[in-house]
């Protein structure tokens, strides 16, 4: 290769300039964001009875009701004085309009299974559930005792207005009727409004099964351990992979309609964080400090947001806003303008196992005016409500 040709490529690289604008990353935001307004903070140590023999309470799950007026929290407290540590679980029902505790239910006394994981969630604005392994309880607002109880009939993980899906089962929570669900080895990862149970297989397949109609589909995802989820309408299935990689299919045709721009040399070890828009055919995928927002069809990259820290959770708020929890901050971004609107610096810290939830919509109140951030740490065990900026 002639020397002048080699220098033409080498000099821009040595000067720190990209060869092509397609490889240049968007510049980080320069203007400081406005402070995110705190409505109130509730101390979990005051809501959950704690003595000197107990570790601080830990937040395990949280979920909003459809109208946003109530927030459900699952907490655990471990007692140290026992020869074998004893963990007590509580179900807390918070009124988001008054930021007060309405109900506190000790689950360890009424769920008999001694194995498995506790799961909780809202079914509609009046009913919520708690389950562990094969035991399932249905509660109604205003009542401490469960409305329905199914023992040894299958638990619950994902729910819609009619059914609750768990590994191998789907239950009609109004009647108690149980359906057999075909679920991949990675477990249920989503349940659509029209009763399609979506799951992943360790061999890279995606499974889609409707236990009511008996219809079943499966196809290769291209990932080793897919965690598929549905779009807002249920017409598309998205699978997120490592390093900002993803694939999107139209169902039931199983036609691939898009693939995310893969980030090369990312390492391939850290799985991407993702969130589906609650009303639009749109989703977000995050890896390290980068968050990308895609419209599904036509498949298009709508925004690429550059955070100043690793994104641990993302969730959509309204039509144009995206909430991101980093290692330190709570941030609100404008998708259209690709800029940081507001932030609470140093507020995120560590927030228990809530970041392990398959979906992160629990961050944003469905009424579109509020954000809830729960923290579980040695020095901070609380939940903070924020006002979503206009």
Protein backbone atom coordinates (compact mmCIF):
# COMPACT_ATOMS: atom_id res chain seq x y z
CA UNK A 1 0.00 0.00 0.00
CA UNK A 2 1.45 3.44 -0.92
CA UNK A 3 2.65 5.46 2.09
CA UNK A 4 0.37 8.42 1.33
CA UNK A 5 -2.68 6.15 1.35
CA UNK A 6 -1.62 4.65 4.68
CA UNK A 7 -1.08 8.10 6.21
CA UNK A 8 -4.47 9.26 4.96
CA UNK A 9 -6.09 6.63 7.17
CA UNK A 10 -3.63 6.77 10.07
CA UNK A 11 -3.40 10.51 10.70
CA UNK A 12 -7.10 11.06 11.51
CA UNK A 13 -6.96 8.14 13.96
CA UNK A 14 -3.83 9.46 15.65
CA UNK A 15 -5.50 12.87 15.96
CA UNK A 16 -8.48 11.31 17.70
CA UNK A 17 -10.90 11.95 14.81
CA UNK A 18 -13.28 9.27 13.53
CA UNK A 19 -12.80 8.10 9.98
CA UNK A 20 -16.53 8.12 9.42
CA UNK A 21 -19.38 9.93 11.16
CA UNK A 22 -21.16 6.56 11.40
CA UNK A 23 -18.64 5.43 14.04
CA UNK A 24 -18.76 8.62 16.10
CA UNK A 25 -20.68 8.36 19.37
CA UNK A 26 -23.14 11.15 20.19
CA UNK A 27 -21.59 13.71 22.55
CA UNK A 28 -22.59 13.48 26.22
CA UNK A 29 -25.02 16.12 27.52
CA UNK A 30 -23.24 19.31 28.56
CA UNK A 31 -26.05 21.18 30.32
CA UNK A 32 -26.79 20.21 33.92
CA UNK A 33 -30.27 18.75 34.34
CA UNK A 34 -32.87 20.30 36.60
CA UNK A 35 -33.33 18.64 40.01
CA UNK A 36 -35.97 15.93 40.09
CA UNK A 37 -38.74 16.93 42.51
CA UNK A 38 -39.20 14.59 45.48
CA UNK A 39 -42.79 14.20 46.69
CA UNK A 40 -42.02 12.16 49.79
CA UNK A 41 -39.86 9.32 51.13
CA UNK A 42 -41.25 6.46 53.23
CA UNK A 43 -38.88 4.67 55.61
CA UNK A 44 -39.41 0.90 55.39
CA UNK A 45 -37.96 0.48 58.86
CA UNK A 46 -41.01 2.33 60.18
CA UNK A 47 -43.50 0.44 57.99
CA UNK A 48 -42.15 -3.04 58.79
CA UNK A 49 -41.79 -4.02 62.45
CA UNK A 50 -38.08 -4.48 63.12
CA UNK A 51 -36.24 -5.37 66.32
CA UNK A 52 -32.58 -5.47 67.28
CA UNK A 53 -32.33 -9.09 66.18
CA UNK A 54 -33.38 -8.36 62.59
CA UNK A 55 -31.52 -7.24 59.55
CA UNK A 56 -32.96 -4.19 57.76
CA UNK A 57 -35.96 -4.99 55.51
CA UNK A 58 -35.19 -5.76 51.88
CA UNK A 59 -37.48 -4.91 48.96
CA UNK A 60 -38.08 -7.95 46.77
CA UNK A 61 -40.85 -6.92 44.37
CA UNK A 62 -42.98 -3.89 43.56
CA UNK A 63 -45.94 -3.31 41.23
CA UNK A 64 -48.41 -0.52 40.45
CA UNK A 65 -52.16 -0.92 40.05
CA UNK A 66 -53.50 -0.03 36.59
CA UNK A 67 -54.90 3.31 37.75
CA UNK A 68 -51.71 4.12 39.65
CA UNK A 69 -53.48 4.74 42.96
CA UNK A 70 -51.82 1.87 44.79
CA UNK A 71 -48.34 0.40 44.92
CA UNK A 72 -47.62 -3.13 46.12
CA UNK A 73 -44.35 -3.96 47.88
CA UNK A 74 -42.95 -7.33 48.92
CA UNK A 75 -40.38 -7.04 51.71
CA UNK A 76 -38.34 -9.55 53.68
CA UNK A 77 -36.73 -9.28 57.10
CA UNK A 78 -34.26 -11.88 58.39
CA UNK A 79 -33.91 -12.60 62.11
CA UNK A 80 -30.36 -13.38 63.22
CA UNK A 81 -30.97 -14.87 66.68
CA UNK A 82 -32.42 -18.09 65.30
CA UNK A 83 -30.13 -21.10 64.99
CA UNK A 84 -31.28 -21.16 61.39
CA UNK A 85 -31.94 -17.61 60.09
CA UNK A 86 -35.69 -16.99 59.81
CA UNK A 87 -37.00 -14.78 57.02
CA UNK A 88 -40.34 -13.02 57.45
CA UNK A 89 -42.13 -11.72 54.35
CA UNK A 90 -44.62 -8.84 54.38
CA UNK A 91 -46.97 -7.54 51.73
CA UNK A 92 -47.31 -3.75 51.90
CA UNK A 93 -50.09 -1.88 50.13
CA UNK A 94 -49.34 1.83 49.73
CA UNK A 95 -51.73 4.59 48.68
CA UNK A 96 -49.75 6.66 46.18
CA UNK A 97 -52.05 9.70 46.38
CA UNK A 98 -51.55 10.11 50.13
CA UNK A 99 -48.20 8.26 50.40
CA UNK A 100 -49.52 6.20 53.32
CA UNK A 101 -49.59 2.53 54.25
CA UNK A 102 -53.06 0.97 53.86
CA UNK A 103 -52.34 -2.71 54.52
CA UNK A 104 -49.53 -4.83 55.93
CA UNK A 105 -49.99 -8.58 55.55
CA UNK A 106 -47.49 -11.14 56.97
CA UNK A 107 -47.23 -13.67 54.16
CA UNK A 108 -45.07 -16.18 56.00
CA UNK A 109 -48.05 -17.09 58.21
CA UNK A 110 -50.49 -17.91 55.41
CA UNK A 111 -48.38 -19.32 52.57
CA UNK A 112 -47.43 -22.83 53.63
CA UNK A 113 -44.81 -23.75 51.02
CA UNK A 114 -41.29 -23.77 52.43
CA UNK A 115 -39.53 -23.63 49.05
CA UNK A 116 -39.58 -21.34 46.05
CA UNK A 117 -39.73 -17.57 45.73
CA UNK A 118 -42.45 -15.14 46.74
CA UNK A 119 -44.06 -13.27 43.84
CA UNK A 120 -46.64 -10.48 44.02
CA UNK A 121 -48.52 -8.26 41.56
CA UNK A 122 -51.74 -6.46 40.72
CA UNK A 123 -54.43 -8.18 38.66
CA UNK A 124 -56.65 -5.13 38.23
CA UNK A 125 -57.44 -2.04 40.28
CA UNK A 126 -59.26 -4.09 42.93
CA UNK A 127 -57.32 -7.35 43.17
CA UNK A 128 -53.74 -8.37 43.75
CA UNK A 129 -51.96 -11.69 44.29
CA UNK A 130 -49.13 -13.28 46.25
CA UNK A 131 -47.66 -16.68 45.46
CA UNK A 132 -44.85 -18.99 46.47
CA UNK A 133 -44.06 -22.18 44.62
CA UNK A 134 -47.47 -23.89 44.20
CA UNK A 135 -49.50 -21.70 46.60
CA UNK A 136 -51.49 -18.75 45.29
CA UNK A 137 -53.47 -16.12 47.22
CA UNK A 138 -55.83 -13.52 45.73
CA UNK A 139 -56.58 -10.40 47.81
CA UNK A 140 -59.15 -7.65 47.38
CA UNK A 141 -58.47 -4.03 48.35
CA UNK A 142 -59.70 -3.26 51.84
CA UNK A 143 -59.46 -6.87 53.06
CA UNK A 144 -56.67 -8.58 54.99
CA UNK A 145 -57.86 -12.12 54.40
CA UNK A 146 -57.40 -13.64 50.93
CA UNK A 147 -60.45 -13.72 48.67
CA UNK A 148 -59.27 -16.95 46.97
CA UNK A 149 -56.67 -19.48 47.87
CA UNK A 150 -55.23 -22.16 45.59
CA UNK A 151 -52.90 -24.59 47.34
CA UNK A 152 -50.80 -26.96 45.28
CA UNK A 153 -52.39 -25.66 42.07
CA UNK A 154 -49.51 -23.62 40.69
CA UNK A 155 -48.14 -20.24 41.72
CA UNK A 156 -47.85 -17.08 39.68
CA UNK A 157 -45.29 -14.81 38.08
CA UNK A 158 -46.93 -12.85 35.25
CA UNK A 159 -50.57 -11.80 35.24
CA UNK A 160 -53.16 -10.13 33.05
CA UNK A 161 -56.75 -9.21 33.86
CA UNK A 162 -57.87 -12.83 33.69
CA UNK A 163 -54.99 -15.25 34.17
CA UNK A 164 -51.79 -15.78 36.13
CA UNK A 165 -48.93 -17.69 34.50
CA UNK A 166 -46.15 -19.61 36.20
CA UNK A 167 -43.74 -22.36 35.22
CA UNK A 168 -45.98 -25.00 33.63
CA UNK A 169 -49.36 -23.54 34.65
CA UNK A 170 -51.82 -20.77 33.87
CA UNK A 171 -54.67 -20.15 36.34
CA UNK A 172 -57.94 -18.32 35.85
CA UNK A 173 -57.78 -16.37 39.12
CA UNK A 174 -61.53 -15.66 39.12
CA UNK A 175 -62.68 -19.28 38.85
CA UNK A 176 -59.62 -21.28 39.87
CA UNK A 177 -59.51 -23.23 36.59
CA UNK A 178 -55.98 -24.41 35.81
CA UNK A 179 -54.45 -24.81 32.33
CA UNK A 180 -51.27 -26.61 31.46
CA UNK A 181 -48.74 -24.20 29.94
CA UNK A 182 -45.81 -25.23 27.76
CA UNK A 183 -42.93 -23.19 29.16
CA UNK A 184 -39.26 -23.13 28.14
CA UNK A 185 -36.51 -24.14 30.53
CA UNK A 186 -35.71 -20.47 31.27
CA UNK A 187 -39.22 -19.91 32.65
CA UNK A 188 -42.03 -17.53 31.77
CA UNK A 189 -40.75 -14.14 30.61
CA UNK A 190 -44.06 -12.50 29.58
CA UNK A 191 -47.85 -12.98 29.42
CA UNK A 192 -49.85 -10.99 26.87
CA UNK A 193 -53.38 -9.63 27.31
CA UNK A 194 -54.67 -12.32 24.93
CA UNK A 195 -53.16 -15.15 27.04
CA UNK A 196 -49.98 -15.99 25.12
CA UNK A 197 -47.31 -17.32 27.49
CA UNK A 198 -43.85 -16.37 26.20
CA UNK A 199 -40.68 -18.08 27.40
CA UNK A 200 -37.12 -18.93 26.43
CA UNK A 201 -35.16 -22.16 26.09
CA UNK A 202 -31.54 -22.82 27.01
CA UNK A 203 -30.98 -24.13 23.49
CA UNK A 204 -31.78 -20.68 22.07
CA UNK A 205 -35.42 -21.24 21.11
CA UNK A 206 -38.35 -18.95 21.92
CA UNK A 207 -41.64 -20.62 22.88
CA UNK A 208 -45.07 -19.02 22.51
CA UNK A 209 -48.07 -20.95 23.85
CA UNK A 210 -51.74 -20.14 24.42
CA UNK A 211 -52.98 -22.61 27.08
CA UNK A 212 -56.64 -21.71 26.44
CA UNK A 213 -56.65 -22.36 22.68
CA UNK A 214 -53.79 -24.88 22.68
CA UNK A 215 -51.84 -23.05 19.95
CA UNK A 216 -48.06 -23.38 20.17
CA UNK A 217 -45.11 -21.88 18.30
CA UNK A 218 -41.35 -22.00 18.66
CA UNK A 219 -38.43 -20.62 16.67
CA UNK A 220 -34.70 -19.96 16.97
CA UNK A 221 -33.77 -16.65 18.58
CA UNK A 222 -30.08 -16.47 17.71
CA UNK A 223 -29.18 -16.05 21.42
CA UNK A 224 -27.95 -18.69 23.85
CA UNK A 225 -30.29 -17.68 26.68
CA UNK A 226 -33.15 -15.60 25.26
CA UNK A 227 -35.46 -13.61 27.54
CA UNK A 228 -38.24 -12.65 25.09
CA UNK A 229 -40.96 -10.12 25.80
CA UNK A 230 -43.99 -8.82 23.89
CA UNK A 231 -44.70 -5.37 22.52
CA UNK A 232 -47.64 -3.31 23.77
CA UNK A 233 -50.10 -4.88 21.31
CA UNK A 234 -48.68 -8.40 21.59
CA UNK A 235 -48.14 -8.46 17.81
CA UNK A 236 -44.37 -8.50 18.17
CA UNK A 237 -41.89 -10.49 20.24
CA UNK A 238 -38.52 -8.97 21.11
CA UNK A 239 -35.46 -10.81 22.39
CA UNK A 240 -32.61 -8.80 23.89
CA UNK A 241 -29.05 -10.09 23.91
CA UNK A 242 -25.69 -8.85 25.14
CA UNK A 243 -23.96 -5.69 23.93
CA UNK A 244 -27.14 -3.90 22.72
CA UNK A 245 -28.02 -6.74 20.37
CA UNK A 246 -31.67 -7.70 19.82
CA UNK A 247 -34.10 -9.23 17.32
CA UNK A 248 -37.78 -8.51 16.66
CA UNK A 249 -40.39 -10.84 15.13
CA UNK A 250 -43.96 -10.33 13.98
CA UNK A 251 -46.28 -13.05 15.31
CA UNK A 252 -47.89 -15.40 14.54
CA UNK A 253 -45.92 -15.25 11.26
CA UNK A 254 -42.58 -15.43 13.16
CA UNK A 255 -41.17 -13.06 10.56
CA UNK A 256 -38.12 -11.12 11.69
CA UNK A 257 -38.77 -7.42 11.11
CA UNK A 258 -35.66 -5.95 12.65
CA UNK A 259 -32.37 -6.39 14.45
CA UNK A 260 -30.63 -3.88 16.69
CA UNK A 261 -27.26 -2.44 15.78
CA UNK A 262 -24.80 -4.72 17.56
CA UNK A 263 -22.01 -3.14 19.58
CA UNK A 264 -18.85 -4.93 18.55
CA UNK A 265 -16.09 -5.74 21.03
CA UNK A 266 -18.50 -5.23 23.92
CA UNK A 267 -17.41 -8.44 25.59
CA UNK A 268 -20.67 -10.37 25.22
CA UNK A 269 -20.89 -11.16 28.93
CA UNK A 270 -23.25 -8.53 30.33
CA UNK A 271 -26.86 -8.96 29.17
CA UNK A 272 -28.67 -5.84 28.05
CA UNK A 273 -31.44 -4.21 30.12
CA UNK A 274 -34.71 -3.59 28.29
CA UNK A 275 -38.23 -2.16 28.58
CA UNK A 276 -41.31 -2.19 26.35
CA UNK A 277 -43.40 0.94 25.92
CA UNK A 278 -46.79 0.40 27.64
CA UNK A 279 -48.91 1.84 24.79
CA UNK A 280 -46.75 2.24 21.66
CA UNK A 281 -44.92 -0.28 19.47
CA UNK A 282 -41.59 0.88 20.89
CA UNK A 283 -38.93 -0.51 23.20
CA UNK A 284 -35.65 0.50 24.81
CA UNK A 285 -32.47 -1.52 25.27
CA UNK A 286 -29.57 -0.44 27.50
CA UNK A 287 -26.01 -1.65 27.91
CA UNK A 288 -23.46 0.12 30.10
CA UNK A 289 -23.91 3.87 29.53
CA UNK A 290 -25.85 3.59 26.26
CA UNK A 291 -29.65 3.46 25.91
CA UNK A 292 -31.23 2.97 22.48
CA UNK A 293 -34.92 3.46 21.70
CA UNK A 294 -36.46 1.67 18.70
CA UNK A 295 -39.80 1.90 16.94
CA UNK A 296 -40.82 -1.56 15.79
CA UNK A 297 -42.49 -1.23 12.38
CA UNK A 298 -41.14 0.30 10.40
CA UNK A 299 -38.10 -0.76 12.42
CA UNK A 300 -36.14 2.39 13.20
CA UNK A 301 -33.66 3.66 15.76
CA UNK A 302 -35.39 6.71 17.25
CA UNK A 303 -32.84 7.80 19.84
CA UNK A 304 -29.47 6.96 21.33
CA UNK A 305 -28.95 8.34 24.83
CA UNK A 306 -25.50 8.56 26.38
CA UNK A 307 -25.63 8.38 30.17
CA UNK A 308 -22.73 9.22 32.47
CA UNK A 309 -23.02 5.91 34.34
CA UNK A 310 -24.19 2.33 33.82
CA UNK A 311 -27.96 1.95 33.35
CA UNK A 312 -29.42 -0.64 35.72
CA UNK A 313 -33.08 -0.06 34.84
CA UNK A 314 -35.01 1.79 32.15
CA UNK A 315 -38.74 2.46 31.81
CA UNK A 316 -40.95 4.63 29.62
CA UNK A 317 -42.98 7.47 31.11
CA UNK A 318 -45.72 8.87 28.89
CA UNK A 319 -45.21 9.25 25.17
CA UNK A 320 -41.77 10.85 25.06
CA UNK A 321 -39.96 10.37 28.36
CA UNK A 322 -37.65 7.61 29.54
CA UNK A 323 -36.61 7.01 33.16
CA UNK A 324 -33.19 5.51 33.82
CA UNK A 325 -31.74 4.29 37.11
CA UNK A 326 -27.95 4.25 37.09
CA UNK A 327 -25.61 3.10 39.82
CA UNK A 328 -26.02 6.51 41.51
CA UNK A 329 -28.79 8.59 39.95
CA UNK A 330 -32.46 8.70 39.00
CA UNK A 331 -32.67 10.33 35.57
CA UNK A 332 -35.49 11.45 33.25
CA UNK A 333 -34.73 11.85 29.54
CA UNK A 334 -36.56 13.26 26.55
CA UNK A 335 -36.52 10.66 23.77
CA UNK A 336 -37.40 13.14 21.04
CA UNK A 337 -34.76 15.72 22.05
CA UNK A 338 -32.25 13.11 23.27
CA UNK A 339 -31.40 15.16 26.34
CA UNK A 340 -31.46 14.81 30.11
CA UNK A 341 -34.43 16.71 31.57
CA UNK A 342 -34.13 16.13 35.31
CA UNK A 343 -32.13 14.02 37.77
CA UNK A 344 -31.71 13.24 41.45
CA UNK A 345 -27.98 12.78 41.89
CA UNK A 346 -26.78 10.12 44.30
CA UNK A 347 -30.31 8.85 45.05
CA UNK A 348 -30.32 5.42 43.42
CA UNK A 349 -27.57 3.58 45.30
CA UNK A 350 -28.57 -0.07 45.72
CA UNK A 351 -32.23 -1.01 45.48
CA UNK A 352 -32.42 -4.66 46.45
CA UNK A 353 -33.64 -7.21 43.94
CA UNK A 354 -36.04 -4.87 42.21
CA UNK A 355 -33.53 -4.45 39.39
CA UNK A 356 -33.85 -8.17 38.61
CA UNK A 357 -37.49 -7.81 37.54
CA UNK A 358 -38.15 -8.83 33.92
CA UNK A 359 -40.05 -5.61 33.32
CA UNK A 360 -39.19 -2.22 34.78
CA UNK A 361 -42.54 -0.44 34.34
CA UNK A 362 -42.87 -0.60 38.13
CA UNK A 363 -40.71 2.52 38.20
CA UNK A 364 -43.32 4.69 36.52
CA UNK A 365 -46.86 5.22 37.75
CA UNK A 366 -49.40 4.43 35.00
CA UNK A 367 -51.02 7.82 35.66
CA UNK A 368 -47.91 9.36 34.06
CA UNK A 369 -47.26 11.83 36.89
CA UNK A 370 -45.11 9.88 39.34
CA UNK A 371 -41.98 7.75 39.70
CA UNK A 372 -41.31 5.32 42.56
CA UNK A 373 -37.75 4.29 43.44
CA UNK A 374 -37.16 1.69 46.14
CA UNK A 375 -33.80 1.30 47.88
CA UNK A 376 -32.55 -1.53 50.08
CA UNK A 377 -29.21 -0.85 51.67
CA UNK A 378 -27.56 -1.10 55.07
CA UNK A 379 -28.14 2.62 55.69
CA UNK A 380 -31.13 3.30 53.42
CA UNK A 381 -34.30 1.21 53.26
CA UNK A 382 -36.98 3.39 51.79
CA UNK A 383 -39.15 4.20 48.82
CA UNK A 384 -39.18 7.67 47.30
CA UNK A 385 -41.95 9.15 45.16
CA UNK A 386 -40.94 11.72 42.54
CA UNK A 387 -43.04 14.08 40.45
CA UNK A 388 -42.50 13.36 36.75
CA UNK A 389 -41.41 16.61 35.04
CA UNK A 390 -43.57 18.09 32.30
